[in-house]
Amino acid sequence: RVLEQIDQLTVEFHWLSDEKVGWVQSDKYLRVVQRLKQFF
């Protein structure tokens, strides 16, 4: 219900890995991206 209430979303995403692209492989981060794609 919170995400549904937002019209436009702007985010600065930050990785938490020492490897610059390591976060792309993380299940947690992928779940966030996949969830946001349901609304935006």
PDB file of all heavy atoms in Angstrom:
ATOM      1  N   ARG A   1       0.822  -1.214   0.000  1.00  0.00           N
ATOM      2  CA  ARG A   1       0.000   0.000   0.000  1.00  0.00           C
ATOM      3  C   ARG A   1       0.862   1.274   0.000  1.00  0.00           C
ATOM      4  O   ARG A   1       0.430   2.307  -0.513  1.00  0.00           O
ATOM      5  CB  ARG A   1      -0.960   0.007   1.184  1.00  0.00           C
ATOM      6  CG  ARG A   1      -0.295  -0.037   2.545  1.00  0.00           C
ATOM      7  CD  ARG A   1      -1.312  -0.051   3.676  1.00  0.00           C
ATOM      8  NE  ARG A   1      -0.698  -0.239   4.965  1.00  0.00           N
ATOM      9  CZ  ARG A   1      -0.105   0.721   5.667  1.00  0.00           C
ATOM     10  NH1 ARG A   1      -0.061   1.949   5.165  1.00  0.00           N
ATOM     11  NH2 ARG A   1       0.431   0.484   6.836  1.00  0.00           N
ATOM     12  N   VAL A   2       2.056   1.195   0.582  1.00  0.00           N
ATOM     13  CA  VAL A   2       2.967   2.340   0.563  1.00  0.00           C
ATOM     14  C   VAL A   2       3.495   2.565  -0.852  1.00  0.00           C
ATOM     15  O   VAL A   2       3.480   3.689  -1.370  1.00  0.00           O
ATOM     16  CB  VAL A   2       4.128   2.127   1.559  1.00  0.00           C
ATOM     17  CG1 VAL A   2       5.275   3.083   1.270  1.00  0.00           C
ATOM     18  CG2 VAL A   2       3.638   2.313   2.986  1.00  0.00           C
ATOM     19  N   LEU A   3       3.972   1.515  -1.488  1.00  0.00           N
ATOM     20  CA  LEU A   3       4.511   1.648  -2.839  1.00  0.00           C
ATOM     21  C   LEU A   3       3.428   2.074  -3.831  1.00  0.00           C
ATOM     22  O   LEU A   3       3.702   2.812  -4.775  1.00  0.00           O
ATOM     23  CB  LEU A   3       5.166   0.342  -3.266  1.00  0.00           C
ATOM     24  CG  LEU A   3       6.344  -0.116  -2.385  1.00  0.00           C
ATOM     25  CD1 LEU A   3       6.885  -1.452  -2.873  1.00  0.00           C
ATOM     26  CD2 LEU A   3       7.441   0.924  -2.350  1.00  0.00           C
ATOM     27  N   GLU A   4       2.215   1.612  -3.620  1.00  0.00           N
ATOM     28  CA  GLU A   4       1.110   1.973  -4.511  1.00  0.00           C
ATOM     29  C   GLU A   4       0.758   3.451  -4.414  1.00  0.00           C
ATOM     30  O   GLU A   4       0.179   4.021  -5.348  1.00  0.00           O
ATOM     31  CB  GLU A   4      -0.123   1.133  -4.168  1.00  0.00           C
ATOM     32  CG  GLU A   4       0.020  -0.332  -4.556  1.00  0.00           C
ATOM     33  CD  GLU A   4      -1.089  -1.204  -3.991  1.00  0.00           C
ATOM     34  OE1 GLU A   4      -1.855  -0.704  -3.131  1.00  0.00           O
ATOM     35  OE2 GLU A   4      -1.196  -2.374  -4.413  1.00  0.00           O
ATOM     36  N   GLN A   5       1.096   4.080  -3.302  1.00  0.00           N
ATOM     37  CA  GLN A   5       0.741   5.483  -3.079  1.00  0.00           C
ATOM     38  C   GLN A   5       1.716   6.444  -3.767  1.00  0.00           C
ATOM     39  O   GLN A   5       1.441   7.627  -3.894  1.00  0.00           O
ATOM     40  CB  GLN A   5       0.705   5.760  -1.573  1.00  0.00           C
ATOM     41  CG  GLN A   5      -0.147   6.949  -1.164  1.00  0.00           C
ATOM     42  CD  GLN A   5      -0.330   7.022   0.342  1.00  0.00           C
ATOM     43  OE1 GLN A   5      -0.191   6.034   1.063  1.00  0.00           O
ATOM     44  NE2 GLN A   5      -0.654   8.202   0.842  1.00  0.00           N
ATOM     45  N   ILE A   6       2.865   5.921  -4.221  1.00  0.00           N
ATOM     46  CA  ILE A   6       3.905   6.753  -4.825  1.00  0.00           C
ATOM     47  C   ILE A   6       3.702   6.834  -6.335  1.00  0.00           C
ATOM     48  O   ILE A   6       3.585   5.807  -7.010  1.00  0.00           O
ATOM     49  CB  ILE A   6       5.298   6.175  -4.530  1.00  0.00           C
ATOM     50  CG1 ILE A   6       5.529   6.048  -3.017  1.00  0.00           C
ATOM     51  CG2 ILE A   6       6.383   7.040  -5.156  1.00  0.00           C
ATOM     52  CD1 ILE A   6       6.748   5.213  -2.659  1.00  0.00           C
ATOM     53  N   ASP A   7       3.691   8.050  -6.849  1.00  0.00           N
ATOM     54  CA  ASP A   7       3.588   8.232  -8.293  1.00  0.00           C
ATOM     55  C   ASP A   7       4.962   8.066  -8.953  1.00  0.00           C
ATOM     56  O   ASP A   7       5.154   7.199  -9.803  1.00  0.00           O
ATOM     57  CB  ASP A   7       3.007   9.617  -8.595  1.00  0.00           C
ATOM     58  CG  ASP A   7       2.682   9.806 -10.072  1.00  0.00           C
ATOM     59  OD1 ASP A   7       3.255   9.096 -10.908  1.00  0.00           O
ATOM     60  OD2 ASP A   7       1.853  10.677 -10.392  1.00  0.00           O
ATOM     61  N   GLN A   8       5.923   8.911  -8.577  1.00  0.00           N
ATOM     62  CA  GLN A   8       7.266   8.857  -9.147  1.00  0.00           C
ATOM     63  C   GLN A   8       8.268   8.579  -8.022  1.00  0.00           C
ATOM     64  O   GLN A   8       8.178   9.173  -6.947  1.00  0.00           O
ATOM     65  CB  GLN A   8       7.629  10.180  -9.824  1.00  0.00           C
ATOM     66  CG  GLN A   8       6.648  10.626 -10.900  1.00  0.00           C
ATOM     67  CD  GLN A   8       6.739   9.797 -12.157  1.00  0.00           C
ATOM     68  OE1 GLN A   8       7.820   9.370 -12.543  1.00  0.00           O
ATOM     69  NE2 GLN A   8       5.603   9.579 -12.809  1.00  0.00           N
ATOM     70  N   LEU A   9       9.236   7.702  -8.294  1.00  0.00           N
ATOM     71  CA  LEU A   9      10.222   7.304  -7.298  1.00  0.00           C
ATOM     72  C   LEU A   9      11.618   7.576  -7.829  1.00  0.00           C
ATOM     73  O   LEU A   9      11.958   7.175  -8.947  1.00  0.00           O
ATOM     74  CB  LEU A   9      10.075   5.806  -6.999  1.00  0.00           C
ATOM     75  CG  LEU A   9      11.085   5.165  -6.044  1.00  0.00           C
ATOM     76  CD1 LEU A   9      10.914   5.695  -4.630  1.00  0.00           C
ATOM     77  CD2 LEU A   9      10.919   3.634  -6.059  1.00  0.00           C
ATOM     78  N   THR A  10      12.429   8.271  -7.034  1.00  0.00           N
ATOM     79  CA  THR A  10      13.836   8.454  -7.398  1.00  0.00           C
ATOM     80  C   THR A  10      14.694   7.946  -6.247  1.00  0.00           C
ATOM     81  O   THR A  10      14.462   8.273  -5.092  1.00  0.00           O
ATOM     82  CB  THR A  10      14.159   9.930  -7.735  1.00  0.00           C
ATOM     83  OG1 THR A  10      15.549  10.049  -8.039  1.00  0.00           O
ATOM     84  CG2 THR A  10      13.812  10.868  -6.598  1.00  0.00           C
ATOM     85  N   VAL A  11      15.666   7.096  -6.590  1.00  0.00           N
ATOM     86  CA  VAL A  11      16.456   6.387  -5.581  1.00  0.00           C
ATOM     87  C   VAL A  11      17.931   6.466  -5.938  1.00  0.00           C
ATOM     88  O   VAL A  11      18.301   6.331  -7.107  1.00  0.00           O
ATOM     89  CB  VAL A  11      16.071   4.885  -5.512  1.00  0.00           C
ATOM     90  CG1 VAL A  11      16.755   4.218  -4.310  1.00  0.00           C
ATOM     91  CG2 VAL A  11      14.578   4.697  -5.459  1.00  0.00           C
ATOM     92  N   GLU A  12      18.763   6.670  -4.930  1.00  0.00           N
ATOM     93  CA  GLU A  12      20.190   6.441  -5.108  1.00  0.00           C
ATOM     94  C   GLU A  12      20.517   5.105  -4.463  1.00  0.00           C
ATOM     95  O   GLU A  12      20.507   4.978  -3.238  1.00  0.00           O
ATOM     96  CB  GLU A  12      21.029   7.557  -4.481  1.00  0.00           C
ATOM     97  CG  GLU A  12      22.519   7.374  -4.756  1.00  0.00           C
ATOM     98  CD  GLU A  12      23.366   8.569  -4.366  1.00  0.00           C
ATOM     99  OE1 GLU A  12      22.977   9.710  -4.697  1.00  0.00           O
ATOM    100  OE2 GLU A  12      24.419   8.364  -3.725  1.00  0.00           O
ATOM    101  N   PHE A  13      20.767   4.102  -5.289  1.00  0.00           N
ATOM    102  CA  PHE A  13      21.104   2.772  -4.786  1.00  0.00           C
ATOM    103  C   PHE A  13      22.592   2.686  -4.501  1.00  0.00           C
ATOM    104  O   PHE A  13      23.411   3.204  -5.256  1.00  0.00           O
ATOM    105  CB  PHE A  13      20.720   1.696  -5.806  1.00  0.00           C
ATOM    106  CG  PHE A  13      19.246   1.429  -5.880  1.00  0.00           C
ATOM    107  CD1 PHE A  13      18.533   1.731  -7.022  1.00  0.00           C
ATOM    108  CD2 PHE A  13      18.578   0.856  -4.810  1.00  0.00           C
ATOM    109  CE1 PHE A  13      17.176   1.477  -7.102  1.00  0.00           C
ATOM    110  CE2 PHE A  13      17.219   0.586  -4.881  1.00  0.00           C
ATOM    111  CZ  PHE A  13      16.515   0.903  -6.023  1.00  0.00           C
ATOM    112  N   HIS A  14      22.933   1.998  -3.414  1.00  0.00           N
ATOM    113  CA  HIS A  14      24.326   1.826  -3.016  1.00  0.00           C
ATOM    114  C   HIS A  14      24.630   0.344  -2.881  1.00  0.00           C
ATOM    115  O   HIS A  14      23.826  -0.407  -2.326  1.00  0.00           O
ATOM    116  CB  HIS A  14      24.594   2.507  -1.677  1.00  0.00           C
ATOM    117  CG  HIS A  14      24.218   3.955  -1.663  1.00  0.00           C
ATOM    118  ND1 HIS A  14      22.924   4.375  -1.476  1.00  0.00           N
ATOM    119  CD2 HIS A  14      24.972   5.069  -1.823  1.00  0.00           C
ATOM    120  CE1 HIS A  14      22.894   5.711  -1.508  1.00  0.00           C
ATOM    121  NE2 HIS A  14      24.118   6.146  -1.725  1.00  0.00           N
ATOM    122  N   TRP A  15      25.790  -0.084  -3.368  1.00  0.00           N
ATOM    123  CA  TRP A  15      26.197  -1.465  -3.173  1.00  0.00           C
ATOM    124  C   TRP A  15      26.881  -1.608  -1.813  1.00  0.00           C
ATOM    125  O   TRP A  15      27.416  -0.650  -1.267  1.00  0.00           O
ATOM    126  CB  TRP A  15      27.112  -1.956  -4.293  1.00  0.00           C
ATOM    127  CG  TRP A  15      28.395  -1.184  -4.421  1.00  0.00           C
ATOM    128  CD1 TRP A  15      29.487  -1.261  -3.625  1.00  0.00           C
ATOM    129  CD2 TRP A  15      28.704  -0.220  -5.424  1.00  0.00           C
ATOM    130  NE1 TRP A  15      30.468  -0.427  -4.052  1.00  0.00           N
ATOM    131  CE2 TRP A  15      30.017   0.226  -5.154  1.00  0.00           C
ATOM    132  CE3 TRP A  15      28.016   0.274  -6.520  1.00  0.00           C
ATOM    133  CZ2 TRP A  15      30.639   1.184  -5.954  1.00  0.00           C
ATOM    134  CZ3 TRP A  15      28.641   1.213  -7.305  1.00  0.00           C
ATOM    135  CH2 TRP A  15      29.937   1.657  -7.026  1.00  0.00           C
ATOM    136  N   LEU A  16      26.883  -2.824  -1.303  1.00  0.00           N
ATOM    137  CA  LEU A  16      27.475  -3.082   0.007  1.00  0.00           C
ATOM    138  C   LEU A  16      28.628  -4.067  -0.086  1.00  0.00           C
ATOM    139  O   LEU A  16      29.075  -4.598   0.922  1.00  0.00           O
ATOM    140  CB  LEU A  16      26.416  -3.645   0.958  1.00  0.00           C
ATOM    141  CG  LEU A  16      25.169  -2.778   1.105  1.00  0.00           C
ATOM    142  CD1 LEU A  16      24.217  -3.392   2.102  1.00  0.00           C
ATOM    143  CD2 LEU A  16      25.533  -1.370   1.538  1.00  0.00           C
ATOM    144  N   SER A  17      29.107  -4.302  -1.288  1.00  0.00           N
ATOM    145  CA  SER A  17      30.170  -5.271  -1.503  1.00  0.00           C
ATOM    146  C   SER A  17      31.451  -4.554  -1.867  1.00  0.00           C
ATOM    147  O   SER A  17      31.442  -3.471  -2.443  1.00  0.00           O
ATOM    148  CB  SER A  17      29.782  -6.245  -2.623  1.00  0.00           C
ATOM    149  OG  SER A  17      30.885  -7.038  -2.995  1.00  0.00           O
ATOM    150  N   ASP A  18      32.592  -5.187  -1.552  1.00  0.00           N
ATOM    151  CA  ASP A  18      33.872  -4.622  -1.961  1.00  0.00           C
ATOM    152  C   ASP A  18      34.040  -4.692  -3.477  1.00  0.00           C
ATOM    153  O   ASP A  18      34.769  -3.919  -4.067  1.00  0.00           O
ATOM    154  CB  ASP A  18      35.036  -5.363  -1.290  1.00  0.00           C
ATOM    155  CG  ASP A  18      35.135  -4.999   0.181  1.00  0.00           C
ATOM    156  OD1 ASP A  18      34.727  -3.899   0.553  1.00  0.00           O
ATOM    157  OD2 ASP A  18      35.622  -5.840   0.947  1.00  0.00           O
ATOM    158  N   GLU A  19      33.357  -5.638  -4.101  1.00  0.00           N
ATOM    159  CA  GLU A  19      33.399  -5.756  -5.555  1.00  0.00           C
ATOM    160  C   GLU A  19      32.317  -4.859  -6.137  1.00  0.00           C
ATOM    161  O   GLU A  19      31.157  -4.929  -5.744  1.00  0.00           O
ATOM    162  CB  GLU A  19      33.159  -7.203  -5.983  1.00  0.00           C
ATOM    163  CG  GLU A  19      34.238  -8.165  -5.516  1.00  0.00           C
ATOM    164  CD  GLU A  19      33.962  -9.585  -5.962  1.00  0.00           C
ATOM    165  OE1 GLU A  19      33.024  -9.782  -6.766  1.00  0.00           O
ATOM    166  OE2 GLU A  19      34.672 -10.480  -5.507  1.00  0.00           O
ATOM    167  N   LYS A  20      32.693  -4.050  -7.099  1.00  0.00           N
ATOM    168  CA  LYS A  20      31.772  -3.017  -7.561  1.00  0.00           C
ATOM    169  C   LYS A  20      30.467  -3.567  -8.124  1.00  0.00           C
ATOM    170  O   LYS A  20      29.437  -2.912  -8.057  1.00  0.00           O
ATOM    171  CB  LYS A  20      32.461  -2.136  -8.597  1.00  0.00           C
ATOM    172  CG  LYS A  20      33.455  -1.168  -7.976  1.00  0.00           C
ATOM    173  CD  LYS A  20      33.908  -0.141  -8.985  1.00  0.00           C
ATOM    174  CE  LYS A  20      34.751   0.926  -8.315  1.00  0.00           C
ATOM    175  NZ  LYS A  20      35.177   1.968  -9.250  1.00  0.00           N
ATOM    176  N   VAL A  21      30.513  -4.758  -8.703  1.00  0.00           N
ATOM    177  CA  VAL A  21      29.276  -5.306  -9.259  1.00  0.00           C
ATOM    178  C   VAL A  21      28.804  -6.519  -8.468  1.00  0.00           C
ATOM    179  O   VAL A  21      27.871  -7.193  -8.878  1.00  0.00           O
ATOM    180  CB  VAL A  21      29.450  -5.683 -10.748  1.00  0.00           C
ATOM    181  CG1 VAL A  21      29.714  -4.456 -11.579  1.00  0.00           C
ATOM    182  CG2 VAL A  21      30.553  -6.705 -10.929  1.00  0.00           C
ATOM    183  N   GLY A  22      29.417  -6.787  -7.331  1.00  0.00           N
ATOM    184  CA  GLY A  22      29.019  -7.959  -6.552  1.00  0.00           C
ATOM    185  C   GLY A  22      27.585  -7.904  -6.077  1.00  0.00           C
ATOM    186  O   GLY A  22      26.909  -8.929  -5.972  1.00  0.00           O
ATOM    187  N   TRP A  23      27.093  -6.682  -5.822  1.00  0.00           N
ATOM    188  CA  TRP A  23      25.732  -6.543  -5.327  1.00  0.00           C
ATOM    189  C   TRP A  23      24.687  -6.994  -6.340  1.00  0.00           C
ATOM    190  O   TRP A  23      23.589  -7.388  -5.969  1.00  0.00           O
ATOM    191  CB  TRP A  23      25.467  -5.094  -4.930  1.00  0.00           C
ATOM    192  CG  TRP A  23      25.603  -4.118  -6.050  1.00  0.00           C
ATOM    193  CD1 TRP A  23      26.739  -3.506  -6.476  1.00  0.00           C
ATOM    194  CD2 TRP A  23      24.570  -3.643  -6.899  1.00  0.00           C
ATOM    195  NE1 TRP A  23      26.490  -2.676  -7.527  1.00  0.00           N
ATOM    196  CE2 TRP A  23      25.163  -2.732  -7.806  1.00  0.00           C
ATOM    197  CE3 TRP A  23      23.202  -3.882  -6.974  1.00  0.00           C
ATOM    198  CZ2 TRP A  23      24.435  -2.076  -8.786  1.00  0.00           C
ATOM    199  CZ3 TRP A  23      22.472  -3.231  -7.955  1.00  0.00           C
ATOM    200  CH2 TRP A  23      23.080  -2.347  -8.851  1.00  0.00           C
ATOM    201  N   VAL A  24      25.030  -6.936  -7.637  1.00  0.00           N
ATOM    202  CA  VAL A  24      24.079  -7.338  -8.670  1.00  0.00           C
ATOM    203  C   VAL A  24      23.703  -8.808  -8.513  1.00  0.00           C
ATOM    204  O   VAL A  24      22.603  -9.234  -8.846  1.00  0.00           O
ATOM    205  CB  VAL A  24      24.674  -7.071 -10.071  1.00  0.00           C
ATOM    206  CG1 VAL A  24      23.722  -7.528 -11.158  1.00  0.00           C
ATOM    207  CG2 VAL A  24      24.977  -5.593 -10.232  1.00  0.00           C
ATOM    208  N   GLN A  25      24.640  -9.610  -7.972  1.00  0.00           N
ATOM    209  CA  GLN A  25      24.409 -11.044  -7.843  1.00  0.00           C
ATOM    210  C   GLN A  25      23.672 -11.405  -6.550  1.00  0.00           C
ATOM    211  O   GLN A  25      23.301 -12.553  -6.357  1.00  0.00           O
ATOM    212  CB  GLN A  25      25.752 -11.778  -7.871  1.00  0.00           C
ATOM    213  CG  GLN A  25      26.618 -11.452  -9.087  1.00  0.00           C
ATOM    214  CD  GLN A  25      25.972 -11.883 -10.384  1.00  0.00           C
ATOM    215  OE1 GLN A  25      25.159 -12.796 -10.409  1.00  0.00           O
ATOM    216  NE2 GLN A  25      26.328 -11.229 -11.476  1.00  0.00           N
ATOM    217  N   SER A  26      23.480 -10.458  -5.647  1.00  0.00           N
ATOM    218  CA  SER A  26      22.882 -10.748  -4.353  1.00  0.00           C
ATOM    219  C   SER A  26      21.388 -11.002  -4.471  1.00  0.00           C
ATOM    220  O   SER A  26      20.657 -10.220  -5.082  1.00  0.00           O
ATOM    221  CB  SER A  26      23.133  -9.588  -3.385  1.00  0.00           C
ATOM    222  OG  SER A  26      22.313  -9.709  -2.255  1.00  0.00           O
ATOM    223  N   ASP A  27      20.926 -12.060  -3.841  1.00  0.00           N
ATOM    224  CA  ASP A  27      19.502 -12.386  -3.873  1.00  0.00           C
ATOM    225  C   ASP A  27      18.674 -11.273  -3.246  1.00  0.00           C
ATOM    226  O   ASP A  27      17.609 -10.917  -3.752  1.00  0.00           O
ATOM    227  CB  ASP A  27      19.256 -13.702  -3.138  1.00  0.00           C
ATOM    228  CG  ASP A  27      17.776 -14.040  -3.035  1.00  0.00           C
ATOM    229  OD1 ASP A  27      17.160 -14.326  -4.070  1.00  0.00           O
ATOM    230  OD2 ASP A  27      17.234 -13.994  -1.905  1.00  0.00           O
ATOM    231  N   LYS A  28      19.159 -10.707  -2.162  1.00  0.00           N
ATOM    232  CA  LYS A  28      18.411  -9.643  -1.486  1.00  0.00           C
ATOM    233  C   LYS A  28      18.193  -8.451  -2.411  1.00  0.00           C
ATOM    234  O   LYS A  28      17.083  -7.928  -2.525  1.00  0.00           O
ATOM    235  CB  LYS A  28      19.156  -9.194  -0.242  1.00  0.00           C
ATOM    236  CG  LYS A  28      18.519  -8.012   0.477  1.00  0.00           C
ATOM    237  CD  LYS A  28      19.240  -7.777   1.799  1.00  0.00           C
ATOM    238  CE  LYS A  28      19.755  -6.392   1.881  1.00  0.00           C
ATOM    239  NZ  LYS A  28      20.387  -6.085   3.169  1.00  0.00           N
ATOM    240  N   TYR A  29      19.243  -8.019  -3.085  1.00  0.00           N
ATOM    241  CA  TYR A  29      19.125  -6.847  -3.928  1.00  0.00           C
ATOM    242  C   TYR A  29      18.251  -7.128  -5.143  1.00  0.00           C
ATOM    243  O   TYR A  29      17.470  -6.278  -5.574  1.00  0.00           O
ATOM    244  CB  TYR A  29      20.507  -6.368  -4.370  1.00  0.00           C
ATOM    245  CG  TYR A  29      21.425  -6.049  -3.216  1.00  0.00           C
ATOM    246  CD1 TYR A  29      22.794  -6.026  -3.375  1.00  0.00           C
ATOM    247  CD2 TYR A  29      20.924  -5.773  -1.940  1.00  0.00           C
ATOM    248  CE1 TYR A  29      23.648  -5.729  -2.316  1.00  0.00           C
ATOM    249  CE2 TYR A  29      21.760  -5.484  -0.883  1.00  0.00           C
ATOM    250  CZ  TYR A  29      23.113  -5.469  -1.072  1.00  0.00           C
ATOM    251  OH  TYR A  29      23.947  -5.172  -0.030  1.00  0.00           O
ATOM    252  N   LEU A  30      18.375  -8.329  -5.686  1.00  0.00           N
ATOM    253  CA  LEU A  30      17.526  -8.692  -6.814  1.00  0.00           C
ATOM    254  C   LEU A  30      16.054  -8.715  -6.419  1.00  0.00           C
ATOM    255  O   LEU A  30      15.188  -8.311  -7.191  1.00  0.00           O
ATOM    256  CB  LEU A  30      17.947 -10.052  -7.373  1.00  0.00           C
ATOM    257  CG  LEU A  30      19.255 -10.066  -8.162  1.00  0.00           C
ATOM    258  CD1 LEU A  30      19.627 -11.497  -8.542  1.00  0.00           C
ATOM    259  CD2 LEU A  30      19.151  -9.209  -9.412  1.00  0.00           C
ATOM    260  N   ARG A  31      15.777  -9.158  -5.200  1.00  0.00           N
ATOM    261  CA  ARG A  31      14.392  -9.165  -4.731  1.00  0.00           C
ATOM    262  C   ARG A  31      13.833  -7.750  -4.629  1.00  0.00           C
ATOM    263  O   ARG A  31      12.654  -7.509  -4.932  1.00  0.00           O
ATOM    264  CB  ARG A  31      14.287  -9.872  -3.372  1.00  0.00           C
ATOM    265  CG  ARG A  31      14.342 -11.396  -3.474  1.00  0.00           C
ATOM    266  CD  ARG A  31      14.000 -12.057  -2.163  1.00  0.00           C
ATOM    267  NE  ARG A  31      15.058 -11.881  -1.176  1.00  0.00           N
ATOM    268  CZ  ARG A  31      14.881 -11.362   0.037  1.00  0.00           C
ATOM    269  NH1 ARG A  31      13.680 -10.938   0.414  1.00  0.00           N
ATOM    270  NH2 ARG A  31      15.890 -11.266   0.878  1.00  0.00           N
ATOM    271  N   VAL A  32      14.659  -6.803  -4.222  1.00  0.00           N
ATOM    272  CA  VAL A  32      14.206  -5.417  -4.147  1.00  0.00           C
ATOM    273  C   VAL A  32      13.884  -4.891  -5.542  1.00  0.00           C
ATOM    274  O   VAL A  32      12.826  -4.302  -5.774  1.00  0.00           O
ATOM    275  CB  VAL A  32      15.269  -4.527  -3.476  1.00  0.00           C
ATOM    276  CG1 VAL A  32      14.898  -3.056  -3.609  1.00  0.00           C
ATOM    277  CG2 VAL A  32      15.415  -4.890  -2.008  1.00  0.00           C
ATOM    278  N   VAL A  33      14.790  -5.107  -6.489  1.00  0.00           N
ATOM    279  CA  VAL A  33      14.572  -4.625  -7.851  1.00  0.00           C
ATOM    280  C   VAL A  33      13.330  -5.265  -8.461  1.00  0.00           C
ATOM    281  O   VAL A  33      12.495  -4.600  -9.085  1.00  0.00           O
ATOM    282  CB  VAL A  33      15.813  -4.892  -8.719  1.00  0.00           C
ATOM    283  CG1 VAL A  33      15.537  -4.553 -10.181  1.00  0.00           C
ATOM    284  CG2 VAL A  33      17.010  -4.086  -8.206  1.00  0.00           C
ATOM    285  N   GLN A  34      13.178  -6.577  -8.270  1.00  0.00           N
ATOM    286  CA  GLN A  34      12.012  -7.265  -8.818  1.00  0.00           C
ATOM    287  C   GLN A  34      10.718  -6.765  -8.187  1.00  0.00           C
ATOM    288  O   GLN A  34       9.698  -6.637  -8.856  1.00  0.00           O
ATOM    289  CB  GLN A  34      12.178  -8.771  -8.611  1.00  0.00           C
ATOM    290  CG  GLN A  34      13.261  -9.378  -9.502  1.00  0.00           C
ATOM    291  CD  GLN A  34      13.675 -10.766  -9.064  1.00  0.00           C
ATOM    292  OE1 GLN A  34      13.261 -11.256  -8.017  1.00  0.00           O
ATOM    293  NE2 GLN A  34      14.516 -11.404  -9.868  1.00  0.00           N
ATOM    294  N   ARG A  35      10.788  -6.456  -6.900  1.00  0.00           N
ATOM    295  CA  ARG A  35       9.584  -5.942  -6.229  1.00  0.00           C
ATOM    296  C   ARG A  35       9.216  -4.563  -6.744  1.00  0.00           C
ATOM    297  O   ARG A  35       8.052  -4.274  -7.011  1.00  0.00           O
ATOM    298  CB  ARG A  35       9.817  -5.894  -4.715  1.00  0.00           C
ATOM    299  CG  ARG A  35       8.600  -5.405  -3.953  1.00  0.00           C
ATOM    300  CD  ARG A  35       8.541  -5.962  -2.556  1.00  0.00           C
ATOM    301  NE  ARG A  35       7.246  -5.661  -1.994  1.00  0.00           N
ATOM    302  CZ  ARG A  35       7.031  -4.731  -1.066  1.00  0.00           C
ATOM    303  NH1 ARG A  35       8.036  -4.045  -0.571  1.00  0.00           N
ATOM    304  NH2 ARG A  35       5.810  -4.512  -0.603  1.00  0.00           N
ATOM    305  N   LEU A  36      10.196  -3.687  -6.883  1.00  0.00           N
ATOM    306  CA  LEU A  36       9.907  -2.344  -7.376  1.00  0.00           C
ATOM    307  C   LEU A  36       9.370  -2.369  -8.800  1.00  0.00           C
ATOM    308  O   LEU A  36       8.550  -1.527  -9.177  1.00  0.00           O
ATOM    309  CB  LEU A  36      11.166  -1.482  -7.302  1.00  0.00           C
ATOM    310  CG  LEU A  36      11.656  -1.126  -5.892  1.00  0.00           C
ATOM    311  CD1 LEU A  36      12.935  -0.306  -5.970  1.00  0.00           C
ATOM    312  CD2 LEU A  36      10.590  -0.374  -5.099  1.00  0.00           C
ATOM    313  N   LYS A  37       9.801  -3.347  -9.587  1.00  0.00           N
ATOM    314  CA  LYS A  37       9.311  -3.456 -10.960  1.00  0.00           C
ATOM    315  C   LYS A  37       7.822  -3.763 -11.013  1.00  0.00           C
ATOM    316  O   LYS A  37       7.173  -3.530 -12.033  1.00  0.00           O
ATOM    317  CB  LYS A  37      10.102  -4.530 -11.714  1.00  0.00           C
ATOM    318  CG  LYS A  37      11.504  -4.086 -12.130  1.00  0.00           C
ATOM    319  CD  LYS A  37      12.265  -5.212 -12.813  1.00  0.00           C
ATOM    320  CE  LYS A  37      11.617  -5.586 -14.131  1.00  0.00           C
ATOM    321  NZ  LYS A  37      12.399  -6.657 -14.825  1.00  0.00           N
ATOM    322  N   GLN A  38       7.255  -4.271  -9.924  1.00  0.00           N
ATOM    323  CA  GLN A  38       5.811  -4.530  -9.869  1.00  0.00           C
ATOM    324  C   GLN A  38       5.008  -3.233  -9.804  1.00  0.00           C
ATOM    325  O   GLN A  38       3.821  -3.214 -10.147  1.00  0.00           O
ATOM    326  CB  GLN A  38       5.474  -5.391  -8.655  1.00  0.00           C
ATOM    327  CG  GLN A  38       6.106  -6.769  -8.664  1.00  0.00           C
ATOM    328  CD  GLN A  38       5.821  -7.529  -7.389  1.00  0.00           C
ATOM    329  OE1 GLN A  38       4.764  -7.379  -6.777  1.00  0.00           O
ATOM    330  NE2 GLN A  38       6.757  -8.353  -6.969  1.00  0.00           N
ATOM    331  N   PHE A  39       5.657  -2.144  -9.361  1.00  0.00           N
ATOM    332  CA  PHE A  39       4.948  -0.887  -9.147  1.00  0.00           C
ATOM    333  C   PHE A  39       5.441   0.255 -10.039  1.00  0.00           C
ATOM    334  O   PHE A  39       4.725   1.231 -10.233  1.00  0.00           O
ATOM    335  CB  PHE A  39       5.099  -0.453  -7.676  1.00  0.00           C
ATOM    336  CG  PHE A  39       4.562  -1.446  -6.695  1.00  0.00           C
ATOM    337  CD1 PHE A  39       5.378  -2.439  -6.169  1.00  0.00           C
ATOM    338  CD2 PHE A  39       3.226  -1.414  -6.310  1.00  0.00           C
ATOM    339  CE1 PHE A  39       4.880  -3.357  -5.253  1.00  0.00           C
ATOM    340  CE2 PHE A  39       2.721  -2.331  -5.407  1.00  0.00           C
ATOM    341  CZ  PHE A  39       3.545  -3.308  -4.879  1.00  0.00           C
ATOM    342  N   PHE A  40       6.658   0.129 -10.576  1.00  0.00           N
ATOM    343  CA  PHE A  40       7.259   1.237 -11.308  1.00  0.00           C
ATOM    344  C   PHE A  40       7.928   0.742 -12.592  1.00  0.00           C
ATOM    345  O   PHE A  40       8.305  -0.418 -12.694  1.00  0.00           O
ATOM    346  CB  PHE A  40       8.323   1.946 -10.447  1.00  0.00           C
ATOM    347  CG  PHE A  40       7.818   2.400  -9.111  1.00  0.00           C
ATOM    348  CD1 PHE A  40       8.065   1.632  -7.975  1.00  0.00           C
ATOM    349  CD2 PHE A  40       7.096   3.569  -8.989  1.00  0.00           C
ATOM    350  CE1 PHE A  40       7.595   2.042  -6.738  1.00  0.00           C
ATOM    351  CE2 PHE A  40       6.620   3.989  -7.754  1.00  0.00           C
ATOM    352  CZ  PHE A  40       6.875   3.222  -6.626  1.00  0.00           C
TER     353      PHE A  40
END
